[in-house]
Amino acid sequence: MSTRARWTLGGFVILGIVVVAWWALAVRSAALVTTDQ
């Protein structure tokens, strides 16, 4: 695998981690105060 390909793959991995972390934080923040059904 070329250096450029490795950098590209690494970028996608980092982006995926950031997206998952953002989603988890958003869910937690939305759940802090809710009214149940």
Full PDB file with SEQRES, HELIX, SHEET, SSBOND, CRYST1, ORIGX, SCALE, CONECT and MASTER records, all heavy atoms in Angstrom:
SEQRES   1 A   37  MET SER THR ARG ALA ARG TRP THR LEU GLY GLY PHE VAL          
SEQRES   2 A   37  ILE LEU GLY ILE VAL VAL VAL ALA TRP TRP ALA LEU ALA          
SEQRES   3 A   37  VAL ARG SER ALA ALA LEU VAL THR THR ASP GLN                  
HELIX    1 AA1 THR A    3  ALA A   31  1                                  29    
CRYST1    1.000    1.000    1.000  90.00  90.00  90.00 P 1           1          
ORIGX1      1.000000  0.000000  0.000000        0.00000                         
ORIGX2      0.000000  1.000000  0.000000        0.00000                         
ORIGX3      0.000000  0.000000  1.000000        0.00000                         
SCALE1      1.000000  0.000000  0.000000        0.00000                         
SCALE2      0.000000  1.000000  0.000000        0.00000                         
SCALE3      0.000000  0.000000  1.000000        0.00000                         
ATOM      1  N   MET A   1       0.858  -1.203   0.000  1.00  0.00           N  
ATOM      2  CA  MET A   1       0.000   0.000   0.000  1.00  0.00           C  
ATOM      3  C   MET A   1       0.884   1.239   0.000  1.00  0.00           C  
ATOM      4  O   MET A   1       1.846   1.336   0.753  1.00  0.00           O  
ATOM      5  CB  MET A   1      -0.899   0.010   1.245  1.00  0.00           C  
ATOM      6  CG  MET A   1      -1.829   1.236   1.322  1.00  0.00           C  
ATOM      7  SD  MET A   1      -2.849   1.248   2.820  1.00  0.00           S  
ATOM      8  CE  MET A   1      -3.878  -0.189   2.532  1.00  0.00           C  
ATOM      9  N   SER A   2       0.561   2.188  -0.883  1.00  0.00           N  
ATOM     10  CA  SER A   2       1.369   3.400  -1.001  1.00  0.00           C  
ATOM     11  C   SER A   2       1.161   4.310   0.204  1.00  0.00           C  
ATOM     12  O   SER A   2       0.190   4.176   0.965  1.00  0.00           O  
ATOM     13  CB  SER A   2       0.980   4.155  -2.274  1.00  0.00           C  
ATOM     14  OG  SER A   2      -0.344   4.652  -2.173  1.00  0.00           O  
ATOM     15  N   THR A   3       2.108   5.240   0.365  1.00  0.00           N  
ATOM     16  CA  THR A   3       2.004   6.193   1.483  1.00  0.00           C  
ATOM     17  C   THR A   3       0.728   7.019   1.391  1.00  0.00           C  
ATOM     18  O   THR A   3       0.039   7.255   2.383  1.00  0.00           O  
ATOM     19  CB  THR A   3       3.231   7.132   1.474  1.00  0.00           C  
ATOM     20  OG1 THR A   3       4.418   6.344   1.588  1.00  0.00           O  
ATOM     21  CG2 THR A   3       3.148   8.110   2.630  1.00  0.00           C  
ATOM     22  N   ARG A   4       0.394   7.436   0.155  1.00  0.00           N  
ATOM     23  CA  ARG A   4      -0.816   8.242  -0.040  1.00  0.00           C  
ATOM     24  C   ARG A   4      -2.062   7.452   0.355  1.00  0.00           C  
ATOM     25  O   ARG A   4      -2.979   7.984   0.998  1.00  0.00           O  
ATOM     26  CB  ARG A   4      -0.906   8.673  -1.500  1.00  0.00           C  
ATOM     27  CG  ARG A   4      -2.129   9.553  -1.776  1.00  0.00           C  
ATOM     28  CD  ARG A   4      -2.144  10.014  -3.216  1.00  0.00           C  
ATOM     29  NE  ARG A   4      -3.299  10.848  -3.493  1.00  0.00           N  
ATOM     30  CZ  ARG A   4      -3.562  11.389  -4.671  1.00  0.00           C  
ATOM     31  NH1 ARG A   4      -2.713  11.169  -5.682  1.00  0.00           N  
ATOM     32  NH2 ARG A   4      -4.648  12.121  -4.847  1.00  0.00           N  
ATOM     33  N   ALA A   5      -2.103   6.154   0.007  1.00  0.00           N  
ATOM     34  CA  ALA A   5      -3.255   5.318   0.337  1.00  0.00           C  
ATOM     35  C   ALA A   5      -3.382   5.144   1.841  1.00  0.00           C  
ATOM     36  O   ALA A   5      -4.482   5.155   2.403  1.00  0.00           O  
ATOM     37  CB  ALA A   5      -3.132   3.958  -0.356  1.00  0.00           C  
ATOM     38  N   ARG A   6      -2.209   4.975   2.486  1.00  0.00           N  
ATOM     39  CA  ARG A   6      -2.248   4.817   3.947  1.00  0.00           C  
ATOM     40  C   ARG A   6      -2.777   6.074   4.609  1.00  0.00           C  
ATOM     41  O   ARG A   6      -3.542   6.026   5.573  1.00  0.00           O  
ATOM     42  CB  ARG A   6      -0.847   4.462   4.460  1.00  0.00           C  
ATOM     43  CG  ARG A   6      -0.438   3.018   4.179  1.00  0.00           C  
ATOM     44  CD  ARG A   6       0.729   2.605   5.061  1.00  0.00           C  
ATOM     45  NE  ARG A   6       1.921   3.402   4.779  1.00  0.00           N  
ATOM     46  CZ  ARG A   6       2.852   3.042   3.891  1.00  0.00           C  
ATOM     47  NH1 ARG A   6       2.706   1.930   3.196  1.00  0.00           N  
ATOM     48  NH2 ARG A   6       3.913   3.805   3.695  1.00  0.00           N  
ATOM     49  N   TRP A   7      -2.336   7.240   4.121  1.00  0.00           N  
ATOM     50  CA  TRP A   7      -2.821   8.505   4.685  1.00  0.00           C  
ATOM     51  C   TRP A   7      -4.320   8.663   4.454  1.00  0.00           C  
ATOM     52  O   TRP A   7      -5.067   9.134   5.326  1.00  0.00           O  
ATOM     53  CB  TRP A   7      -2.077   9.684   4.045  1.00  0.00           C  
ATOM     54  CG  TRP A   7      -0.760   9.962   4.702  1.00  0.00           C  
ATOM     55  CD1 TRP A   7       0.473   9.628   4.250  1.00  0.00           C  
ATOM     56  CD2 TRP A   7      -0.548  10.643   5.946  1.00  0.00           C  
ATOM     57  NE1 TRP A   7       1.457  10.040   5.116  1.00  0.00           N  
ATOM     58  CE2 TRP A   7       0.844  10.674   6.174  1.00  0.00           C  
ATOM     59  CE3 TRP A   7      -1.405  11.216   6.880  1.00  0.00           C  
ATOM     60  CZ2 TRP A   7       1.399  11.259   7.310  1.00  0.00           C  
ATOM     61  CZ3 TRP A   7      -0.851  11.808   8.017  1.00  0.00           C  
ATOM     62  CH2 TRP A   7       0.533  11.826   8.209  1.00  0.00           C  
ATOM     63  N   THR A   8      -4.780   8.274   3.289  1.00  0.00           N  
ATOM     64  CA  THR A   8      -6.214   8.371   2.979  1.00  0.00           C  
ATOM     65  C   THR A   8      -7.035   7.474   3.908  1.00  0.00           C  
ATOM     66  O   THR A   8      -8.059   7.874   4.467  1.00  0.00           O  
ATOM     67  CB  THR A   8      -6.480   7.981   1.523  1.00  0.00           C  
ATOM     68  OG1 THR A   8      -5.743   8.852   0.669  1.00  0.00           O  
ATOM     69  CG2 THR A   8      -7.960   8.090   1.196  1.00  0.00           C  
ATOM     70  N   LEU A   9      -6.564   6.223   4.087  1.00  0.00           N  
ATOM     71  CA  LEU A   9      -7.252   5.288   4.973  1.00  0.00           C  
ATOM     72  C   LEU A   9      -7.263   5.798   6.410  1.00  0.00           C  
ATOM     73  O   LEU A   9      -8.276   5.749   7.108  1.00  0.00           O  
ATOM     74  CB  LEU A   9      -6.572   3.916   4.902  1.00  0.00           C  
ATOM     75  CG  LEU A   9      -7.161   2.826   5.813  1.00  0.00           C  
ATOM     76  CD1 LEU A   9      -8.624   2.578   5.458  1.00  0.00           C  
ATOM     77  CD2 LEU A   9      -6.361   1.531   5.668  1.00  0.00           C  
ATOM     78  N   GLY A  10      -6.120   6.330   6.835  1.00  0.00           N  
ATOM     79  CA  GLY A  10      -6.032   6.869   8.186  1.00  0.00           C  
ATOM     80  C   GLY A  10      -6.992   8.023   8.390  1.00  0.00           C  
ATOM     81  O   GLY A  10      -7.607   8.177   9.448  1.00  0.00           O  
ATOM     82  N   GLY A  11      -7.142   8.834   7.357  1.00  0.00           N  
ATOM     83  CA  GLY A  11      -8.070   9.965   7.456  1.00  0.00           C  
ATOM     84  C   GLY A  11      -9.494   9.511   7.633  1.00  0.00           C  
ATOM     85  O   GLY A  11     -10.259  10.087   8.414  1.00  0.00           O  
ATOM     86  N   PHE A  12      -9.891   8.473   6.896  1.00  0.00           N  
ATOM     87  CA  PHE A  12     -11.254   7.949   7.018  1.00  0.00           C  
ATOM     88  C   PHE A  12     -11.492   7.364   8.421  1.00  0.00           C  
ATOM     89  O   PHE A  12     -12.575   7.505   8.985  1.00  0.00           O  
ATOM     90  CB  PHE A  12     -11.507   6.880   5.961  1.00  0.00           C  
ATOM     91  CG  PHE A  12     -11.880   7.446   4.610  1.00  0.00           C  
ATOM     92  CD1 PHE A  12     -11.082   7.212   3.502  1.00  0.00           C  
ATOM     93  CD2 PHE A  12     -13.029   8.227   4.468  1.00  0.00           C  
ATOM     94  CE1 PHE A  12     -11.418   7.744   2.267  1.00  0.00           C  
ATOM     95  CE2 PHE A  12     -13.369   8.759   3.231  1.00  0.00           C  
ATOM     96  CZ  PHE A  12     -12.566   8.518   2.121  1.00  0.00           C  
ATOM     97  N   VAL A  13     -10.483   6.697   8.964  1.00  0.00           N  
ATOM     98  CA  VAL A  13     -10.613   6.117  10.313  1.00  0.00           C  
ATOM     99  C   VAL A  13     -10.823   7.212  11.347  1.00  0.00           C  
ATOM    100  O   VAL A  13     -11.695   7.133  12.216  1.00  0.00           O  
ATOM    101  CB  VAL A  13      -9.369   5.269  10.656  1.00  0.00           C  
ATOM    102  CG1 VAL A  13      -9.409   4.870  12.135  1.00  0.00           C  
ATOM    103  CG2 VAL A  13      -9.310   4.035   9.772  1.00  0.00           C  
ATOM    104  N   ILE A  14     -10.001   8.280  11.251  1.00  0.00           N  
ATOM    105  CA  ILE A  14     -10.126   9.389  12.198  1.00  0.00           C  
ATOM    106  C   ILE A  14     -11.482  10.059  12.063  1.00  0.00           C  
ATOM    107  O   ILE A  14     -12.146  10.389  13.052  1.00  0.00           O  
ATOM    108  CB  ILE A  14      -8.991  10.404  11.979  1.00  0.00           C  
ATOM    109  CG1 ILE A  14      -7.639   9.775  12.341  1.00  0.00           C  
ATOM    110  CG2 ILE A  14      -9.233  11.665  12.796  1.00  0.00           C  
ATOM    111  CD1 ILE A  14      -6.453  10.642  11.990  1.00  0.00           C  
ATOM    112  N   LEU A  15     -11.926  10.251  10.823  1.00  0.00           N  
ATOM    113  CA  LEU A  15     -13.232  10.868  10.590  1.00  0.00           C  
ATOM    114  C   LEU A  15     -14.348  10.026  11.197  1.00  0.00           C  
ATOM    115  O   LEU A  15     -15.281  10.543  11.809  1.00  0.00           O  
ATOM    116  CB  LEU A  15     -13.461  11.032   9.091  1.00  0.00           C  
ATOM    117  CG  LEU A  15     -14.822  11.643   8.677  1.00  0.00           C  
ATOM    118  CD1 LEU A  15     -14.971  13.045   9.268  1.00  0.00           C  
ATOM    119  CD2 LEU A  15     -14.958  11.669   7.169  1.00  0.00           C  
ATOM    120  N   GLY A  16     -14.224   8.695  11.052  1.00  0.00           N  
ATOM    121  CA  GLY A  16     -15.235   7.803  11.625  1.00  0.00           C  
ATOM    122  C   GLY A  16     -15.296   7.908  13.132  1.00  0.00           C  
ATOM    123  O   GLY A  16     -16.369   7.924  13.733  1.00  0.00           O  
ATOM    124  N   ILE A  17     -14.134   7.983  13.772  1.00  0.00           N  
ATOM    125  CA  ILE A  17     -14.074   8.110  15.232  1.00  0.00           C  
ATOM    126  C   ILE A  17     -14.722   9.407  15.684  1.00  0.00           C  
ATOM    127  O   ILE A  17     -15.478   9.443  16.656  1.00  0.00           O  
ATOM    128  CB  ILE A  17     -12.616   8.030  15.717  1.00  0.00           C  
ATOM    129  CG1 ILE A  17     -12.054   6.629  15.471  1.00  0.00           C  
ATOM    130  CG2 ILE A  17     -12.524   8.385  17.197  1.00  0.00           C  
ATOM    131  CD1 ILE A  17     -10.574   6.503  15.763  1.00  0.00           C  
ATOM    132  N   VAL A  18     -14.440  10.495  14.977  1.00  0.00           N  
ATOM    133  CA  VAL A  18     -15.014  11.798  15.328  1.00  0.00           C  
ATOM    134  C   VAL A  18     -16.535  11.772  15.211  1.00  0.00           C  
ATOM    135  O   VAL A  18     -17.249  12.277  16.078  1.00  0.00           O  
ATOM    136  CB  VAL A  18     -14.416  12.906  14.430  1.00  0.00           C  
ATOM    137  CG1 VAL A  18     -15.179  14.219  14.620  1.00  0.00           C  
ATOM    138  CG2 VAL A  18     -12.941  13.101  14.739  1.00  0.00           C  
ATOM    139  N   VAL A  19     -17.045  11.167  14.132  1.00  0.00           N  
ATOM    140  CA  VAL A  19     -18.500  11.102  13.924  1.00  0.00           C  
ATOM    141  C   VAL A  19     -19.172  10.299  15.025  1.00  0.00           C  
ATOM    142  O   VAL A  19     -20.204  10.695  15.571  1.00  0.00           O  
ATOM    143  CB  VAL A  19     -18.813  10.485  12.537  1.00  0.00           C  
ATOM    144  CG1 VAL A  19     -20.310  10.182  12.420  1.00  0.00           C  
ATOM    145  CG2 VAL A  19     -18.381  11.429  11.434  1.00  0.00           C  
ATOM    146  N   VAL A  20     -18.596   9.146  15.378  1.00  0.00           N  
ATOM    147  CA  VAL A  20     -19.174   8.308  16.440  1.00  0.00           C  
ATOM    148  C   VAL A  20     -19.166   9.046  17.772  1.00  0.00           C  
ATOM    149  O   VAL A  20     -20.137   9.015  18.529  1.00  0.00           O  
ATOM    150  CB  VAL A  20     -18.406   6.975  16.553  1.00  0.00           C  
ATOM    151  CG1 VAL A  20     -18.844   6.208  17.793  1.00  0.00           C  
ATOM    152  CG2 VAL A  20     -18.628   6.135  15.307  1.00  0.00           C  
ATOM    153  N   ALA A  21     -18.053   9.725  18.081  1.00  0.00           N  
ATOM    154  CA  ALA A  21     -17.960  10.467  19.341  1.00  0.00           C  
ATOM    155  C   ALA A  21     -18.985  11.594  19.382  1.00  0.00           C  
ATOM    156  O   ALA A  21     -19.626  11.835  20.409  1.00  0.00           O  
ATOM    157  CB  ALA A  21     -16.545  11.029  19.505  1.00  0.00           C  
ATOM    158  N   TRP A  22     -19.160  12.298  18.267  1.00  0.00           N  
ATOM    159  CA  TRP A  22     -20.147  13.384  18.211  1.00  0.00           C  
ATOM    160  C   TRP A  22     -21.549  12.853  18.417  1.00  0.00           C  
ATOM    161  O   TRP A  22     -22.350  13.406  19.138  1.00  0.00           O  
ATOM    162  CB  TRP A  22     -20.051  14.084  16.863  1.00  0.00           C  
ATOM    163  CG  TRP A  22     -21.116  15.138  16.688  1.00  0.00           C  
ATOM    164  CD1 TRP A  22     -21.072  16.437  17.072  1.00  0.00           C  
ATOM    165  CD2 TRP A  22     -22.397  14.951  16.079  1.00  0.00           C  
ATOM    166  NE1 TRP A  22     -22.236  17.077  16.747  1.00  0.00           N  
ATOM    167  CE2 TRP A  22     -23.069  16.184  16.144  1.00  0.00           C  
ATOM    168  CE3 TRP A  22     -23.033  13.863  15.489  1.00  0.00           C  
ATOM    169  CZ2 TRP A  22     -24.359  16.352  15.637  1.00  0.00           C  
ATOM    170  CZ3 TRP A  22     -24.307  14.022  14.994  1.00  0.00           C  
ATOM    171  CH2 TRP A  22     -24.954  15.254  15.061  1.00  0.00           C  
ATOM    172  N   TRP A  23     -21.864  11.698  17.793  1.00  0.00           N  
ATOM    173  CA  TRP A  23     -23.196  11.105  17.915  1.00  0.00           C  
ATOM    174  C   TRP A  23     -23.469  10.692  19.354  1.00  0.00           C  
ATOM    175  O   TRP A  23     -24.548  10.928  19.891  1.00  0.00           O  
ATOM    176  CB  TRP A  23     -23.289   9.903  16.995  1.00  0.00           C  
ATOM    177  CG  TRP A  23     -24.606   9.167  17.103  1.00  0.00           C  
ATOM    178  CD1 TRP A  23     -25.773   9.451  16.475  1.00  0.00           C  
ATOM    179  CD2 TRP A  23     -24.857   8.023  17.917  1.00  0.00           C  
ATOM    180  NE1 TRP A  23     -26.749   8.565  16.842  1.00  0.00           N  
ATOM    181  CE2 TRP A  23     -26.212   7.671  17.731  1.00  0.00           C  
ATOM    182  CE3 TRP A  23     -24.069   7.253  18.780  1.00  0.00           C  
ATOM    183  CZ2 TRP A  23     -26.795   6.585  18.381  1.00  0.00           C  
ATOM    184  CZ3 TRP A  23     -24.651   6.177  19.429  1.00  0.00           C  
ATOM    185  CH2 TRP A  23     -26.005   5.855  19.223  1.00  0.00           C  
ATOM    186  N   ALA A  24     -22.489  10.065  19.998  1.00  0.00           N  
ATOM    187  CA  ALA A  24     -22.671   9.625  21.385  1.00  0.00           C  
ATOM    188  C   ALA A  24     -22.911  10.815  22.304  1.00  0.00           C  
ATOM    189  O   ALA A  24     -23.748  10.776  23.207  1.00  0.00           O  
ATOM    190  CB  ALA A  24     -21.444   8.831  21.849  1.00  0.00           C  
ATOM    191  N   LEU A  25     -22.160  11.904  22.090  1.00  0.00           N  
ATOM    192  CA  LEU A  25     -22.338  13.101  22.913  1.00  0.00           C  
ATOM    193  C   LEU A  25     -23.705  13.714  22.695  1.00  0.00           C  
ATOM    194  O   LEU A  25     -24.365  14.156  23.640  1.00  0.00           O  
ATOM    195  CB  LEU A  25     -21.244  14.119  22.572  1.00  0.00           C  
ATOM    196  CG  LEU A  25     -21.292  15.448  23.362  1.00  0.00           C  
ATOM    197  CD1 LEU A  25     -21.133  15.173  24.852  1.00  0.00           C  
ATOM    198  CD2 LEU A  25     -20.194  16.385  22.869  1.00  0.00           C  
ATOM    199  N   ALA A  26     -24.162  13.723  21.447  1.00  0.00           N  
ATOM    200  CA  ALA A  26     -25.470  14.299  21.142  1.00  0.00           C  
ATOM    201  C   ALA A  26     -26.585  13.504  21.799  1.00  0.00           C  
ATOM    202  O   ALA A  26     -27.534  14.067  22.349  1.00  0.00           O  
ATOM    203  CB  ALA A  26     -25.675  14.337  19.625  1.00  0.00           C  
ATOM    204  N   VAL A  27     -26.485  12.172  21.739  1.00  0.00           N  
ATOM    205  CA  VAL A  27     -27.513  11.328  22.360  1.00  0.00           C  
ATOM    206  C   VAL A  27     -27.548  11.537  23.864  1.00  0.00           C  
ATOM    207  O   VAL A  27     -28.593  11.655  24.480  1.00  0.00           O  
ATOM    208  CB  VAL A  27     -27.252   9.840  22.035  1.00  0.00           C  
ATOM    209  CG1 VAL A  27     -28.152   8.944  22.870  1.00  0.00           C  
ATOM    210  CG2 VAL A  27     -27.484   9.593  20.555  1.00  0.00           C  
ATOM    211  N   ARG A  28     -26.366  11.603  24.482  1.00  0.00           N  
ATOM    212  CA  ARG A  28     -26.297  11.793  25.931  1.00  0.00           C  
ATOM    213  C   ARG A  28     -26.882  13.140  26.318  1.00  0.00           C  
ATOM    214  O   ARG A  28     -27.620  13.268  27.287  1.00  0.00           O  
ATOM    215  CB  ARG A  28     -24.845  11.694  26.407  1.00  0.00           C  
ATOM    216  CG  ARG A  28     -24.704  11.833  27.924  1.00  0.00           C  
ATOM    217  CD  ARG A  28     -23.242  11.720  28.352  1.00  0.00           C  
ATOM    218  NE  ARG A  28     -23.132  11.778  29.792  1.00  0.00           N  
ATOM    219  CZ  ARG A  28     -23.100  12.895  30.484  1.00  0.00           C  
ATOM    220  NH1 ARG A  28     -23.200  14.055  29.861  1.00  0.00           N  
ATOM    221  NH2 ARG A  28     -22.981  12.878  31.799  1.00  0.00           N  
ATOM    222  N   SER A  29     -26.547  14.181  25.562  1.00  0.00           N  
ATOM    223  CA  SER A  29     -27.041  15.513  25.883  1.00  0.00           C  
ATOM    224  C   SER A  29     -28.558  15.583  25.727  1.00  0.00           C  
ATOM    225  O   SER A  29     -29.244  16.190  26.531  1.00  0.00           O  
ATOM    226  CB  SER A  29     -26.389  16.545  24.952  1.00  0.00           C  
ATOM    227  OG  SER A  29     -24.984  16.566  25.156  1.00  0.00           O  
ATOM    228  N   ALA A  30     -29.093  14.917  24.696  1.00  0.00           N  
ATOM    229  CA  ALA A  30     -30.538  14.934  24.476  1.00  0.00           C  
ATOM    230  C   ALA A  30     -31.278  14.181  25.551  1.00  0.00           C  
ATOM    231  O   ALA A  30     -32.445  14.440  25.825  1.00  0.00           O  
ATOM    232  CB  ALA A  30     -30.849  14.320  23.109  1.00  0.00           C  
ATOM    233  N   ALA A  31     -30.598  13.208  26.194  1.00  0.00           N  
ATOM    234  CA  ALA A  31     -31.254  12.389  27.212  1.00  0.00           C  
ATOM    235  C   ALA A  31     -31.192  12.981  28.599  1.00  0.00           C  
ATOM    236  O   ALA A  31     -31.783  12.444  29.529  1.00  0.00           O  
ATOM    237  CB  ALA A  31     -30.619  10.986  27.233  1.00  0.00           C  
ATOM    238  N   LEU A  32     -30.471  14.088  28.763  1.00  0.00           N  
ATOM    239  CA  LEU A  32     -30.314  14.638  30.103  1.00  0.00           C  
ATOM    240  C   LEU A  32     -31.646  14.976  30.741  1.00  0.00           C  
ATOM    241  O   LEU A  32     -31.882  14.702  31.908  1.00  0.00           O  
ATOM    242  CB  LEU A  32     -29.422  15.890  30.057  1.00  0.00           C  
ATOM    243  CG  LEU A  32     -27.938  15.629  29.905  1.00  0.00           C  
ATOM    244  CD1 LEU A  32     -27.177  16.944  29.819  1.00  0.00           C  
ATOM    245  CD2 LEU A  32     -27.392  14.776  31.030  1.00  0.00           C  
ATOM    246  N   VAL A  33     -32.555  15.562  29.999  1.00  0.00           N  
ATOM    247  CA  VAL A  33     -33.871  15.868  30.529  1.00  0.00           C  
ATOM    248  C   VAL A  33     -34.901  15.534  29.465  1.00  0.00           C  
ATOM    249  O   VAL A  33     -34.939  16.164  28.417  1.00  0.00           O  
ATOM    250  CB  VAL A  33     -33.998  17.361  30.911  1.00  0.00           C  
ATOM    251  CG1 VAL A  33     -35.398  17.644  31.426  1.00  0.00           C  
ATOM    252  CG2 VAL A  33     -32.974  17.747  31.956  1.00  0.00           C  
ATOM    253  N   THR A  34     -35.726  14.525  29.735  1.00  0.00           N  
ATOM    254  CA  THR A  34     -36.769  14.149  28.802  1.00  0.00           C  
ATOM    255  C   THR A  34     -38.045  13.864  29.557  1.00  0.00           C  
ATOM    256  O   THR A  34     -38.034  13.613  30.756  1.00  0.00           O  
ATOM    257  CB  THR A  34     -36.377  12.882  28.005  1.00  0.00           C  
ATOM    258  OG1 THR A  34     -36.219  11.795  28.924  1.00  0.00           O  
ATOM    259  CG2 THR A  34     -35.103  13.087  27.222  1.00  0.00           C  
ATOM    260  N   THR A  35     -39.158  13.884  28.854  1.00  0.00           N  
ATOM    261  CA  THR A  35     -40.434  13.503  29.432  1.00  0.00           C  
ATOM    262  C   THR A  35     -40.818  12.169  28.836  1.00  0.00           C  
ATOM    263  O   THR A  35     -40.898  12.021  27.623  1.00  0.00           O  
ATOM    264  CB  THR A  35     -41.521  14.548  29.108  1.00  0.00           C  
ATOM    265  OG1 THR A  35     -41.091  15.796  29.631  1.00  0.00           O  
ATOM    266  CG2 THR A  35     -42.843  14.153  29.734  1.00  0.00           C  
ATOM    267  N   ASP A  36     -41.074  11.156  29.708  1.00  0.00           N  
ATOM    268  CA  ASP A  36     -41.378   9.842  29.163  1.00  0.00           C  
ATOM    269  C   ASP A  36     -42.827   9.788  28.709  1.00  0.00           C  
ATOM    270  O   ASP A  36     -43.640  10.634  29.018  1.00  0.00           O  
ATOM    271  CB  ASP A  36     -41.065   8.730  30.183  1.00  0.00           C  
ATOM    272  CG  ASP A  36     -41.958   8.765  31.408  1.00  0.00           C  
ATOM    273  OD1 ASP A  36     -43.024   9.415  31.391  1.00  0.00           O  
ATOM    274  OD2 ASP A  36     -41.585   8.115  32.391  1.00  0.00           O  
ATOM    275  N   GLN A  37     -43.171   8.738  27.944  1.00  0.00           N  
ATOM    276  CA  GLN A  37     -44.488   8.655  27.351  1.00  0.00           C  
ATOM    277  C   GLN A  37     -45.564   8.335  28.373  1.00  0.00           C  
ATOM    278  O   GLN A  37     -46.757   8.396  28.064  1.00  0.00           O  
ATOM    279  CB  GLN A  37     -44.489   7.574  26.257  1.00  0.00           C  
ATOM    280  CG  GLN A  37     -44.101   6.194  26.755  1.00  0.00           C  
ATOM    281  CD  GLN A  37     -44.018   5.197  25.620  1.00  0.00           C  
ATOM    282  OE1 GLN A  37     -44.491   5.459  24.524  1.00  0.00           O  
ATOM    283  NE2 GLN A  37     -43.416   4.059  25.870  1.00  0.00           N  
TER     284      GLN A  37                                                      
MASTER        0    0    0    1    0    0    0    6  283    1    0    3          
END                                                                             
